[in-house]
Amino acid sequence: MYALEIRPVVLADVPAINRIYSESVLTWTASWELTPPDDAEMTKRMQSILSQGYPYVVGIVEDRLVGYSYASSYRARPGYRFTVENSIYIDPAYQRRGIARALMQHVIDACAAKGYRQMVAVIGDSENHASIALHESLGFTKVAVLPNLGFKFGRWLDSVMMQRALGEGGTTLPVE
């Protein structure tokens, strides 16, 4: 058994985060990027998320960064200000051990505490059954499948939209 440490991301985590993300870009359909970004680009992305006050956490097992999760703006227009989009990436050697669930739950709780009311997951492949099941286990509901929206690895990919309420969701007005 292992002990999972969840902590806020720091700048020194970028190379390990990019290692995980780059493997995902080159191997899987969770991201529709075709070329992995370099560490400088990943640093810019991380700093943008953090500068907007969104949670961004990493999972550490035996001093190794094995996954990360964050929330970001769902859309830039102000009407979406109470809605966030989640992201989760796990080192393949550490998948199916509850790490993704723990990291995502941390981000869900942090977003609810900040007053966000909805969280959206955009899953980049309707055949990504593990990600869909993970999100369902955390209270997400599939709300849409956009067929043949992306193209990667020589095939068309569907985009699966999932959503869950945070806090009181849409049952009460948010605090401005």
N, C-alpha and C. Protein backbone atom coordinates (compact mmCIF):
# COMPACT_ATOMS: atom_id res chain seq x y z
N MET A 1 0.84 -1.18 0.00
CA MET A 1 0.00 0.00 0.00
C MET A 1 0.88 1.24 0.00
N TYR A 2 0.36 2.34 -0.47
CA TYR A 2 1.11 3.58 -0.56
C TYR A 2 0.32 4.69 0.12
N ALA A 3 1.03 5.73 0.48
CA ALA A 3 0.39 6.92 1.04
C ALA A 3 0.37 7.99 -0.04
N LEU A 4 -0.80 8.52 -0.29
CA LEU A 4 -0.96 9.59 -1.27
C LEU A 4 -0.95 10.93 -0.55
N GLU A 5 -0.05 11.80 -0.96
CA GLU A 5 -0.03 13.17 -0.46
C GLU A 5 -0.63 14.06 -1.54
N ILE A 6 -1.61 14.87 -1.16
CA ILE A 6 -2.19 15.86 -2.08
C ILE A 6 -1.76 17.23 -1.58
N ARG A 7 -1.17 18.00 -2.49
CA ARG A 7 -0.72 19.34 -2.11
C ARG A 7 -0.89 20.29 -3.29
N PRO A 8 -0.88 21.60 -3.01
CA PRO A 8 -0.96 22.56 -4.11
C PRO A 8 0.26 22.45 -5.02
N VAL A 9 0.05 22.71 -6.29
CA VAL A 9 1.12 22.68 -7.27
C VAL A 9 2.13 23.78 -6.97
N VAL A 10 3.39 23.53 -7.31
CA VAL A 10 4.45 24.55 -7.24
C VAL A 10 5.20 24.53 -8.57
N LEU A 11 5.90 25.60 -8.84
CA LEU A 11 6.61 25.74 -10.11
C LEU A 11 7.54 24.56 -10.40
N ALA A 12 8.18 24.03 -9.38
CA ALA A 12 9.11 22.91 -9.56
C ALA A 12 8.42 21.64 -10.05
N ASP A 13 7.08 21.60 -10.00
CA ASP A 13 6.33 20.43 -10.45
C ASP A 13 6.16 20.37 -11.97
N VAL A 14 6.44 21.47 -12.65
CA VAL A 14 6.15 21.54 -14.09
C VAL A 14 6.78 20.41 -14.89
N PRO A 15 8.06 20.07 -14.73
CA PRO A 15 8.61 18.98 -15.54
C PRO A 15 7.87 17.64 -15.34
N ALA A 16 7.50 17.32 -14.12
CA ALA A 16 6.78 16.07 -13.87
C ALA A 16 5.36 16.13 -14.44
N ILE A 17 4.72 17.28 -14.30
CA ILE A 17 3.38 17.46 -14.88
C ILE A 17 3.47 17.31 -16.39
N ASN A 18 4.47 17.92 -16.99
CA ASN A 18 4.60 17.85 -18.44
C ASN A 18 4.95 16.44 -18.91
N ARG A 19 5.68 15.69 -18.11
CA ARG A 19 5.97 14.29 -18.44
C ARG A 19 4.65 13.50 -18.55
N ILE A 20 3.78 13.68 -17.58
CA ILE A 20 2.49 12.98 -17.59
C ILE A 20 1.63 13.46 -18.75
N TYR A 21 1.54 14.77 -18.92
CA TYR A 21 0.69 15.32 -19.97
C TYR A 21 1.21 14.94 -21.35
N SER A 22 2.51 15.02 -21.56
CA SER A 22 3.09 14.68 -22.86
C SER A 22 2.79 13.24 -23.25
N GLU A 23 2.89 12.33 -22.28
CA GLU A 23 2.55 10.93 -22.57
C GLU A 23 1.09 10.81 -22.98
N SER A 24 0.23 11.57 -22.32
CA SER A 24 -1.18 11.55 -22.67
C SER A 24 -1.41 12.07 -24.09
N VAL A 25 -0.74 13.16 -24.42
CA VAL A 25 -0.88 13.74 -25.77
C VAL A 25 -0.42 12.74 -26.83
N LEU A 26 0.69 12.07 -26.59
CA LEU A 26 1.28 11.18 -27.59
C LEU A 26 0.62 9.80 -27.65
N THR A 27 -0.10 9.41 -26.60
CA THR A 27 -0.59 8.04 -26.49
C THR A 27 -2.10 7.92 -26.44
N TRP A 28 -2.77 8.88 -25.84
CA TRP A 28 -4.20 8.74 -25.54
C TRP A 28 -5.02 9.85 -26.19
N THR A 29 -6.32 9.78 -26.02
CA THR A 29 -7.22 10.78 -26.60
C THR A 29 -7.85 11.69 -25.56
N ALA A 30 -7.35 11.68 -24.34
CA ALA A 30 -7.89 12.59 -23.31
C ALA A 30 -7.64 14.04 -23.71
N SER A 31 -6.50 14.31 -24.31
CA SER A 31 -6.19 15.63 -24.84
C SER A 31 -6.17 15.53 -26.36
N TRP A 32 -6.69 16.52 -27.00
CA TRP A 32 -6.69 16.51 -28.45
C TRP A 32 -5.52 17.30 -29.03
N GLU A 33 -4.59 17.69 -28.19
CA GLU A 33 -3.36 18.27 -28.73
C GLU A 33 -2.62 17.16 -29.47
N LEU A 34 -1.88 17.54 -30.49
CA LEU A 34 -1.13 16.55 -31.27
C LEU A 34 0.35 16.57 -30.95
N THR A 35 0.84 17.71 -30.49
CA THR A 35 2.25 17.87 -30.13
C THR A 35 2.31 18.34 -28.68
N PRO A 36 3.07 17.66 -27.85
CA PRO A 36 3.16 18.08 -26.45
C PRO A 36 3.78 19.47 -26.31
N PRO A 37 3.26 20.27 -25.41
CA PRO A 37 3.87 21.58 -25.15
C PRO A 37 5.19 21.41 -24.40
N ASP A 38 6.02 22.43 -24.45
CA ASP A 38 7.26 22.38 -23.68
C ASP A 38 6.99 22.88 -22.26
N ASP A 39 8.00 22.78 -21.41
CA ASP A 39 7.83 23.18 -20.01
C ASP A 39 7.46 24.66 -19.88
N ALA A 40 7.99 25.50 -20.75
CA ALA A 40 7.67 26.93 -20.68
C ALA A 40 6.18 27.16 -20.92
N GLU A 41 5.62 26.47 -21.89
CA GLU A 41 4.19 26.60 -22.17
C GLU A 41 3.35 26.04 -21.02
N MET A 42 3.77 24.91 -20.47
CA MET A 42 3.04 24.34 -19.33
C MET A 42 3.10 25.28 -18.13
N THR A 43 4.22 25.95 -17.96
CA THR A 43 4.34 26.94 -16.87
C THR A 43 3.35 28.07 -17.08
N LYS A 44 3.24 28.59 -18.30
CA LYS A 44 2.29 29.66 -18.60
C LYS A 44 0.86 29.21 -18.29
N ARG A 45 0.52 28.00 -18.70
CA ARG A 45 -0.83 27.49 -18.46
C ARG A 45 -1.11 27.38 -16.96
N MET A 46 -0.15 26.83 -16.23
CA MET A 46 -0.31 26.68 -14.79
C MET A 46 -0.47 28.04 -14.12
N GLN A 47 0.38 28.99 -14.48
CA GLN A 47 0.32 30.32 -13.87
C GLN A 47 -0.98 31.03 -14.20
N SER A 48 -1.52 30.82 -15.39
CA SER A 48 -2.80 31.42 -15.76
C SER A 48 -3.92 30.88 -14.87
N ILE A 49 -3.94 29.58 -14.66
CA ILE A 49 -4.96 28.97 -13.81
C ILE A 49 -4.84 29.48 -12.38
N LEU A 50 -3.63 29.48 -11.85
CA LEU A 50 -3.42 29.92 -10.47
C LEU A 50 -3.72 31.41 -10.30
N SER A 51 -3.39 32.23 -11.29
CA SER A 51 -3.61 33.68 -11.17
C SER A 51 -5.09 34.02 -11.12
N GLN A 52 -5.93 33.12 -11.61
CA GLN A 52 -7.37 33.33 -11.57
C GLN A 52 -8.01 32.73 -10.31
N GLY A 53 -7.18 32.15 -9.46
CA GLY A 53 -7.67 31.64 -8.18
C GLY A 53 -8.26 30.25 -8.20
N TYR A 54 -8.04 29.52 -9.28
CA TYR A 54 -8.58 28.16 -9.35
C TYR A 54 -7.67 27.18 -8.61
N PRO A 55 -8.24 26.11 -8.07
CA PRO A 55 -7.41 25.11 -7.40
C PRO A 55 -6.62 24.28 -8.41
N TYR A 56 -5.40 23.94 -8.04
CA TYR A 56 -4.52 23.12 -8.88
C TYR A 56 -3.68 22.30 -7.90
N VAL A 57 -3.89 20.99 -7.90
CA VAL A 57 -3.22 20.13 -6.93
C VAL A 57 -2.48 18.99 -7.62
N VAL A 58 -1.50 18.46 -6.92
CA VAL A 58 -0.74 17.31 -7.41
C VAL A 58 -0.84 16.19 -6.40
N GLY A 59 -0.67 14.97 -6.90
CA GLY A 59 -0.62 13.79 -6.05
C GLY A 59 0.80 13.25 -6.02
N ILE A 60 1.30 13.00 -4.81
CA ILE A 60 2.66 12.52 -4.63
C ILE A 60 2.61 11.15 -3.95
N VAL A 61 3.31 10.18 -4.52
CA VAL A 61 3.46 8.86 -3.91
C VAL A 61 4.96 8.58 -3.84
N GLU A 62 5.45 8.35 -2.64
CA GLU A 62 6.87 8.05 -2.42
C GLU A 62 7.77 9.05 -3.14
N ASP A 63 7.50 10.33 -2.94
CA ASP A 63 8.29 11.44 -3.50
C ASP A 63 8.19 11.57 -5.02
N ARG A 64 7.24 10.90 -5.64
CA ARG A 64 7.06 10.98 -7.09
C ARG A 64 5.71 11.62 -7.40
N LEU A 65 5.71 12.63 -8.26
CA LEU A 65 4.46 13.23 -8.71
C LEU A 65 3.81 12.25 -9.67
N VAL A 66 2.62 11.77 -9.30
CA VAL A 66 1.96 10.72 -10.08
C VAL A 66 0.66 11.17 -10.73
N GLY A 67 0.25 12.40 -10.47
CA GLY A 67 -0.96 12.90 -11.09
C GLY A 67 -1.23 14.33 -10.68
N TYR A 68 -2.14 14.96 -11.41
CA TYR A 68 -2.51 16.32 -11.09
C TYR A 68 -3.94 16.59 -11.55
N SER A 69 -4.56 17.55 -10.88
CA SER A 69 -5.92 17.93 -11.21
C SER A 69 -6.09 19.42 -10.94
N TYR A 70 -6.91 20.04 -11.75
CA TYR A 70 -7.19 21.46 -11.55
C TYR A 70 -8.56 21.81 -12.11
N ALA A 71 -9.03 22.97 -11.72
CA ALA A 71 -10.23 23.54 -12.31
C ALA A 71 -9.82 24.80 -13.06
N SER A 72 -10.59 25.13 -14.06
CA SER A 72 -10.34 26.34 -14.83
C SER A 72 -11.68 26.89 -15.30
N SER A 73 -11.63 28.04 -15.91
CA SER A 73 -12.84 28.67 -16.42
C SER A 73 -13.50 27.77 -17.46
N TYR A 74 -14.81 27.61 -17.36
CA TYR A 74 -15.52 26.85 -18.38
C TYR A 74 -15.58 27.66 -19.68
N ARG A 75 -15.94 28.90 -19.58
CA ARG A 75 -15.96 29.82 -20.71
C ARG A 75 -15.57 31.20 -20.19
N ALA A 76 -15.07 32.05 -21.06
CA ALA A 76 -14.57 33.36 -20.65
C ALA A 76 -15.68 34.39 -20.37
N ARG A 77 -16.83 34.22 -20.96
CA ARG A 77 -17.89 35.23 -20.79
C ARG A 77 -18.39 35.24 -19.35
N PRO A 78 -18.71 36.43 -18.81
CA PRO A 78 -19.05 36.56 -17.39
C PRO A 78 -20.27 35.76 -16.95
N GLY A 79 -21.17 35.46 -17.84
CA GLY A 79 -22.34 34.67 -17.45
C GLY A 79 -21.98 33.27 -16.97
N TYR A 80 -20.79 32.80 -17.31
CA TYR A 80 -20.33 31.47 -16.89
C TYR A 80 -19.48 31.51 -15.63
N ARG A 81 -19.43 32.64 -14.93
CA ARG A 81 -18.48 32.83 -13.82
C ARG A 81 -18.67 31.88 -12.65
N PHE A 82 -19.80 31.20 -12.55
CA PHE A 82 -20.01 30.26 -11.46
C PHE A 82 -19.83 28.81 -11.90
N THR A 83 -19.32 28.63 -13.12
CA THR A 83 -19.11 27.30 -13.68
C THR A 83 -17.63 27.10 -13.97
N VAL A 84 -17.11 25.94 -13.58
CA VAL A 84 -15.71 25.60 -13.84
C VAL A 84 -15.65 24.30 -14.63
N GLU A 85 -14.51 24.09 -15.25
CA GLU A 85 -14.22 22.83 -15.96
C GLU A 85 -13.08 22.14 -15.23
N ASN A 86 -13.19 20.84 -15.07
CA ASN A 86 -12.13 20.11 -14.37
C ASN A 86 -11.20 19.42 -15.36
N SER A 87 -9.97 19.19 -14.92
CA SER A 87 -8.99 18.41 -15.67
C SER A 87 -8.29 17.47 -14.70
N ILE A 88 -7.97 16.28 -15.19
CA ILE A 88 -7.30 15.27 -14.36
C ILE A 88 -6.38 14.44 -15.26
N TYR A 89 -5.14 14.29 -14.83
CA TYR A 89 -4.18 13.46 -15.56
C TYR A 89 -3.38 12.65 -14.55
N ILE A 90 -3.25 11.35 -14.81
CA ILE A 90 -2.55 10.44 -13.90
C ILE A 90 -1.50 9.67 -14.68
N ASP A 91 -0.32 9.51 -14.09
CA ASP A 91 0.73 8.66 -14.65
C ASP A 91 0.13 7.27 -14.88
N PRO A 92 0.25 6.71 -16.10
CA PRO A 92 -0.35 5.40 -16.37
C PRO A 92 0.05 4.31 -15.38
N ALA A 93 1.25 4.37 -14.84
CA ALA A 93 1.70 3.35 -13.87
C ALA A 93 0.94 3.44 -12.55
N TYR A 94 0.20 4.53 -12.34
CA TYR A 94 -0.51 4.74 -11.07
C TYR A 94 -2.02 4.84 -11.26
N GLN A 95 -2.50 4.50 -12.44
CA GLN A 95 -3.94 4.56 -12.69
C GLN A 95 -4.65 3.40 -12.00
N ARG A 96 -5.95 3.60 -11.78
CA ARG A 96 -6.83 2.59 -11.16
C ARG A 96 -6.42 2.25 -9.73
N ARG A 97 -5.93 3.28 -9.02
CA ARG A 97 -5.54 3.10 -7.61
C ARG A 97 -6.26 4.10 -6.70
N GLY A 98 -7.23 4.82 -7.26
CA GLY A 98 -7.97 5.79 -6.46
C GLY A 98 -7.35 7.17 -6.42
N ILE A 99 -6.23 7.35 -7.11
CA ILE A 99 -5.53 8.64 -7.08
C ILE A 99 -6.35 9.71 -7.80
N ALA A 100 -6.86 9.39 -8.98
CA ALA A 100 -7.66 10.37 -9.72
C ALA A 100 -8.88 10.79 -8.91
N ARG A 101 -9.53 9.84 -8.31
CA ARG A 101 -10.72 10.13 -7.50
C ARG A 101 -10.37 11.06 -6.35
N ALA A 102 -9.28 10.79 -5.65
CA ALA A 102 -8.87 11.63 -4.51
C ALA A 102 -8.51 13.04 -4.97
N LEU A 103 -7.76 13.16 -6.05
CA LEU A 103 -7.39 14.48 -6.56
C LEU A 103 -8.61 15.26 -7.02
N MET A 104 -9.49 14.60 -7.75
CA MET A 104 -10.68 15.29 -8.23
C MET A 104 -11.58 15.70 -7.08
N GLN A 105 -11.74 14.84 -6.07
CA GLN A 105 -12.58 15.20 -4.93
C GLN A 105 -12.03 16.44 -4.24
N HIS A 106 -10.72 16.51 -4.15
CA HIS A 106 -10.08 17.69 -3.55
C HIS A 106 -10.44 18.95 -4.35
N VAL A 107 -10.36 18.87 -5.66
CA VAL A 107 -10.68 20.02 -6.52
C VAL A 107 -12.17 20.35 -6.44
N ILE A 108 -13.02 19.34 -6.44
CA ILE A 108 -14.47 19.57 -6.32
C ILE A 108 -14.77 20.31 -5.02
N ASP A 109 -14.22 19.83 -3.92
CA ASP A 109 -14.46 20.47 -2.62
C ASP A 109 -13.94 21.91 -2.60
N ALA A 110 -12.77 22.13 -3.18
CA ALA A 110 -12.19 23.48 -3.20
C ALA A 110 -13.06 24.43 -4.03
N CYS A 111 -13.57 23.95 -5.15
CA CYS A 111 -14.42 24.79 -6.00
C CYS A 111 -15.75 25.11 -5.30
N ALA A 112 -16.33 24.12 -4.65
CA ALA A 112 -17.58 24.36 -3.91
C ALA A 112 -17.34 25.39 -2.81
N ALA A 113 -16.22 25.28 -2.11
CA ALA A 113 -15.91 26.23 -1.03
C ALA A 113 -15.71 27.65 -1.55
N LYS A 114 -15.28 27.77 -2.81
CA LYS A 114 -15.07 29.09 -3.40
C LYS A 114 -16.36 29.68 -3.98
N GLY A 115 -17.46 28.92 -3.91
CA GLY A 115 -18.74 29.44 -4.38
C GLY A 115 -19.11 29.09 -5.80
N TYR A 116 -18.32 28.28 -6.46
CA TYR A 116 -18.72 27.83 -7.80
C TYR A 116 -19.92 26.90 -7.66
N ARG A 117 -20.79 26.90 -8.68
CA ARG A 117 -22.04 26.15 -8.57
C ARG A 117 -22.15 24.96 -9.51
N GLN A 118 -21.37 24.93 -10.57
CA GLN A 118 -21.41 23.81 -11.52
C GLN A 118 -19.99 23.48 -11.94
N MET A 119 -19.76 22.19 -12.17
CA MET A 119 -18.49 21.74 -12.72
C MET A 119 -18.79 20.91 -13.96
N VAL A 120 -18.06 21.19 -15.02
CA VAL A 120 -18.22 20.51 -16.29
C VAL A 120 -16.96 19.71 -16.59
N ALA A 121 -17.15 18.51 -17.09
CA ALA A 121 -16.05 17.69 -17.58
C ALA A 121 -16.23 17.52 -19.08
N VAL A 122 -15.18 17.78 -19.82
CA VAL A 122 -15.19 17.57 -21.27
C VAL A 122 -14.24 16.41 -21.53
N ILE A 123 -14.80 15.25 -21.79
CA ILE A 123 -14.02 14.02 -21.96
C ILE A 123 -13.81 13.81 -23.45
N GLY A 124 -12.55 13.71 -23.84
CA GLY A 124 -12.19 13.74 -25.25
C GLY A 124 -12.35 12.44 -26.02
N ASP A 125 -13.18 11.55 -25.58
CA ASP A 125 -13.38 10.32 -26.34
C ASP A 125 -14.48 9.52 -25.67
N SER A 126 -15.54 9.22 -26.39
CA SER A 126 -16.64 8.45 -25.81
C SER A 126 -16.22 7.03 -25.46
N GLU A 127 -15.05 6.59 -25.95
CA GLU A 127 -14.55 5.26 -25.60
C GLU A 127 -13.66 5.29 -24.35
N ASN A 128 -13.51 6.44 -23.73
CA ASN A 128 -12.73 6.56 -22.50
C ASN A 128 -13.63 6.18 -21.33
N HIS A 129 -13.95 4.90 -21.25
CA HIS A 129 -14.90 4.40 -20.25
C HIS A 129 -14.40 4.63 -18.83
N ALA A 130 -13.09 4.56 -18.61
CA ALA A 130 -12.56 4.75 -17.26
C ALA A 130 -12.81 6.18 -16.78
N SER A 131 -12.59 7.16 -17.64
CA SER A 131 -12.82 8.55 -17.24
C SER A 131 -14.30 8.82 -17.03
N ILE A 132 -15.12 8.29 -17.89
CA ILE A 132 -16.57 8.46 -17.73
C ILE A 132 -17.03 7.84 -16.42
N ALA A 133 -16.57 6.63 -16.12
CA ALA A 133 -16.94 5.96 -14.86
C ALA A 133 -16.42 6.74 -13.65
N LEU A 134 -15.20 7.25 -13.73
CA LEU A 134 -14.65 8.06 -12.64
C LEU A 134 -15.54 9.26 -12.37
N HIS A 135 -15.89 9.98 -13.41
CA HIS A 135 -16.73 11.16 -13.24
C HIS A 135 -18.11 10.79 -12.69
N GLU A 136 -18.69 9.72 -13.20
CA GLU A 136 -19.99 9.28 -12.67
C GLU A 136 -19.89 8.96 -11.19
N SER A 137 -18.79 8.34 -10.77
CA SER A 137 -18.62 7.98 -9.35
C SER A 137 -18.51 9.22 -8.46
N LEU A 138 -18.19 10.35 -9.06
CA LEU A 138 -18.07 11.61 -8.32
C LEU A 138 -19.30 12.50 -8.50
N GLY A 139 -20.38 11.93 -9.01
CA GLY A 139 -21.64 12.67 -9.11
C GLY A 139 -21.89 13.38 -10.42
N PHE A 140 -21.05 13.18 -11.41
CA PHE A 140 -21.27 13.79 -12.71
C PHE A 140 -22.31 12.98 -13.49
N THR A 141 -23.07 13.67 -14.31
CA THR A 141 -24.05 13.06 -15.20
C THR A 141 -23.67 13.41 -16.63
N LYS A 142 -23.80 12.44 -17.51
CA LYS A 142 -23.54 12.70 -18.92
C LYS A 142 -24.68 13.56 -19.45
N VAL A 143 -24.34 14.72 -20.01
CA VAL A 143 -25.37 15.63 -20.51
C VAL A 143 -25.35 15.76 -22.03
N ALA A 144 -24.27 15.35 -22.66
CA ALA A 144 -24.21 15.44 -24.12
C ALA A 144 -23.05 14.61 -24.66
N VAL A 145 -23.25 14.12 -25.85
CA VAL A 145 -22.17 13.52 -26.63
C VAL A 145 -22.17 14.25 -27.97
N LEU A 146 -21.06 14.88 -28.27
CA LEU A 146 -20.91 15.60 -29.53
C LEU A 146 -20.13 14.68 -30.48
N PRO A 147 -20.82 14.05 -31.42
CA PRO A 147 -20.16 13.04 -32.25
C PRO A 147 -19.18 13.64 -33.26
N ASN A 148 -18.10 12.89 -33.48
CA ASN A 148 -17.13 13.20 -34.54
C ASN A 148 -16.63 14.64 -34.48
N LEU A 149 -16.38 15.12 -33.29
CA LEU A 149 -15.99 16.51 -33.09
C LEU A 149 -14.49 16.74 -33.29
N GLY A 150 -13.69 15.72 -32.98
CA GLY A 150 -12.24 15.84 -33.12
C GLY A 150 -11.67 14.71 -33.94
N PHE A 151 -10.42 14.88 -34.37
CA PHE A 151 -9.76 13.86 -35.17
C PHE A 151 -8.34 13.69 -34.66
N LYS A 152 -8.01 12.47 -34.24
CA LYS A 152 -6.68 12.17 -33.72
C LYS A 152 -6.41 10.69 -33.92
N PHE A 153 -5.17 10.35 -34.16
CA PHE A 153 -4.76 8.96 -34.36
C PHE A 153 -5.55 8.27 -35.48
N GLY A 154 -5.87 9.04 -36.52
CA GLY A 154 -6.52 8.47 -37.69
C GLY A 154 -7.99 8.14 -37.52
N ARG A 155 -8.63 8.68 -36.49
CA ARG A 155 -10.05 8.39 -36.32
C ARG A 155 -10.78 9.59 -35.73
N TRP A 156 -12.08 9.63 -35.99
CA TRP A 156 -12.93 10.66 -35.43
C TRP A 156 -13.20 10.35 -33.96
N LEU A 157 -13.28 11.41 -33.17
CA LEU A 157 -13.52 11.27 -31.74
C LEU A 157 -14.75 12.06 -31.33
N ASP A 158 -15.53 11.46 -30.45
CA ASP A 158 -16.66 12.16 -29.84
C ASP A 158 -16.15 12.94 -28.64
N SER A 159 -16.86 13.98 -28.28
CA SER A 159 -16.59 14.70 -27.04
C SER A 159 -17.78 14.45 -26.11
N VAL A 160 -17.48 13.99 -24.91
CA VAL A 160 -18.53 13.69 -23.93
C VAL A 160 -18.56 14.83 -22.92
N MET A 161 -19.72 15.42 -22.75
CA MET A 161 -19.91 16.49 -21.78
C MET A 161 -20.60 15.90 -20.55
N MET A 162 -19.98 16.13 -19.39
CA MET A 162 -20.57 15.68 -18.13
C MET A 162 -20.64 16.88 -17.19
N GLN A 163 -21.58 16.83 -16.25
CA GLN A 163 -21.79 17.98 -15.38
C GLN A 163 -22.22 17.51 -14.00
N ARG A 164 -21.83 18.27 -12.97
CA ARG A 164 -22.32 18.03 -11.61
C ARG A 164 -22.48 19.37 -10.91
N ALA A 165 -23.43 19.39 -10.00
CA ALA A 165 -23.64 20.59 -9.19
C ALA A 165 -22.57 20.66 -8.12
N LEU A 166 -22.23 21.87 -7.73
CA LEU A 166 -21.34 22.13 -6.60
C LEU A 166 -22.16 22.89 -5.56
N GLY A 167 -22.00 22.54 -4.31
CA GLY A 167 -22.77 23.22 -3.27
C GLY A 167 -24.25 23.12 -3.55
N GLU A 168 -24.92 24.26 -3.58
CA GLU A 168 -26.37 24.28 -3.81
C GLU A 168 -26.72 24.27 -5.30
N GLY A 169 -25.72 24.20 -6.15
CA GLY A 169 -25.97 24.14 -7.58
C GLY A 169 -26.85 25.29 -8.03
N GLY A 170 -27.86 24.97 -8.81
CA GLY A 170 -28.77 25.98 -9.32
C GLY A 170 -30.03 26.16 -8.50
N THR A 171 -30.06 25.60 -7.29
CA THR A 171 -31.28 25.68 -6.48
C THR A 171 -31.44 27.02 -5.77
N THR A 172 -30.36 27.78 -5.64
CA THR A 172 -30.42 29.11 -5.02
C THR A 172 -29.57 30.06 -5.85
N LEU A 173 -29.76 31.33 -5.62
CA LEU A 173 -28.95 32.32 -6.31
C LEU A 173 -27.55 32.35 -5.72
N PRO A 174 -26.54 32.57 -6.55
CA PRO A 174 -25.17 32.64 -6.03
C PRO A 174 -24.92 33.95 -5.30
N VAL A 175 -23.89 33.97 -4.50
CA VAL A 175 -23.45 35.19 -3.84
C VAL A 175 -22.48 35.90 -4.77
N GLU A 176 -22.80 37.13 -5.10
CA GLU A 176 -21.94 37.91 -6.01
C GLU A 176 -20.80 38.53 -5.24
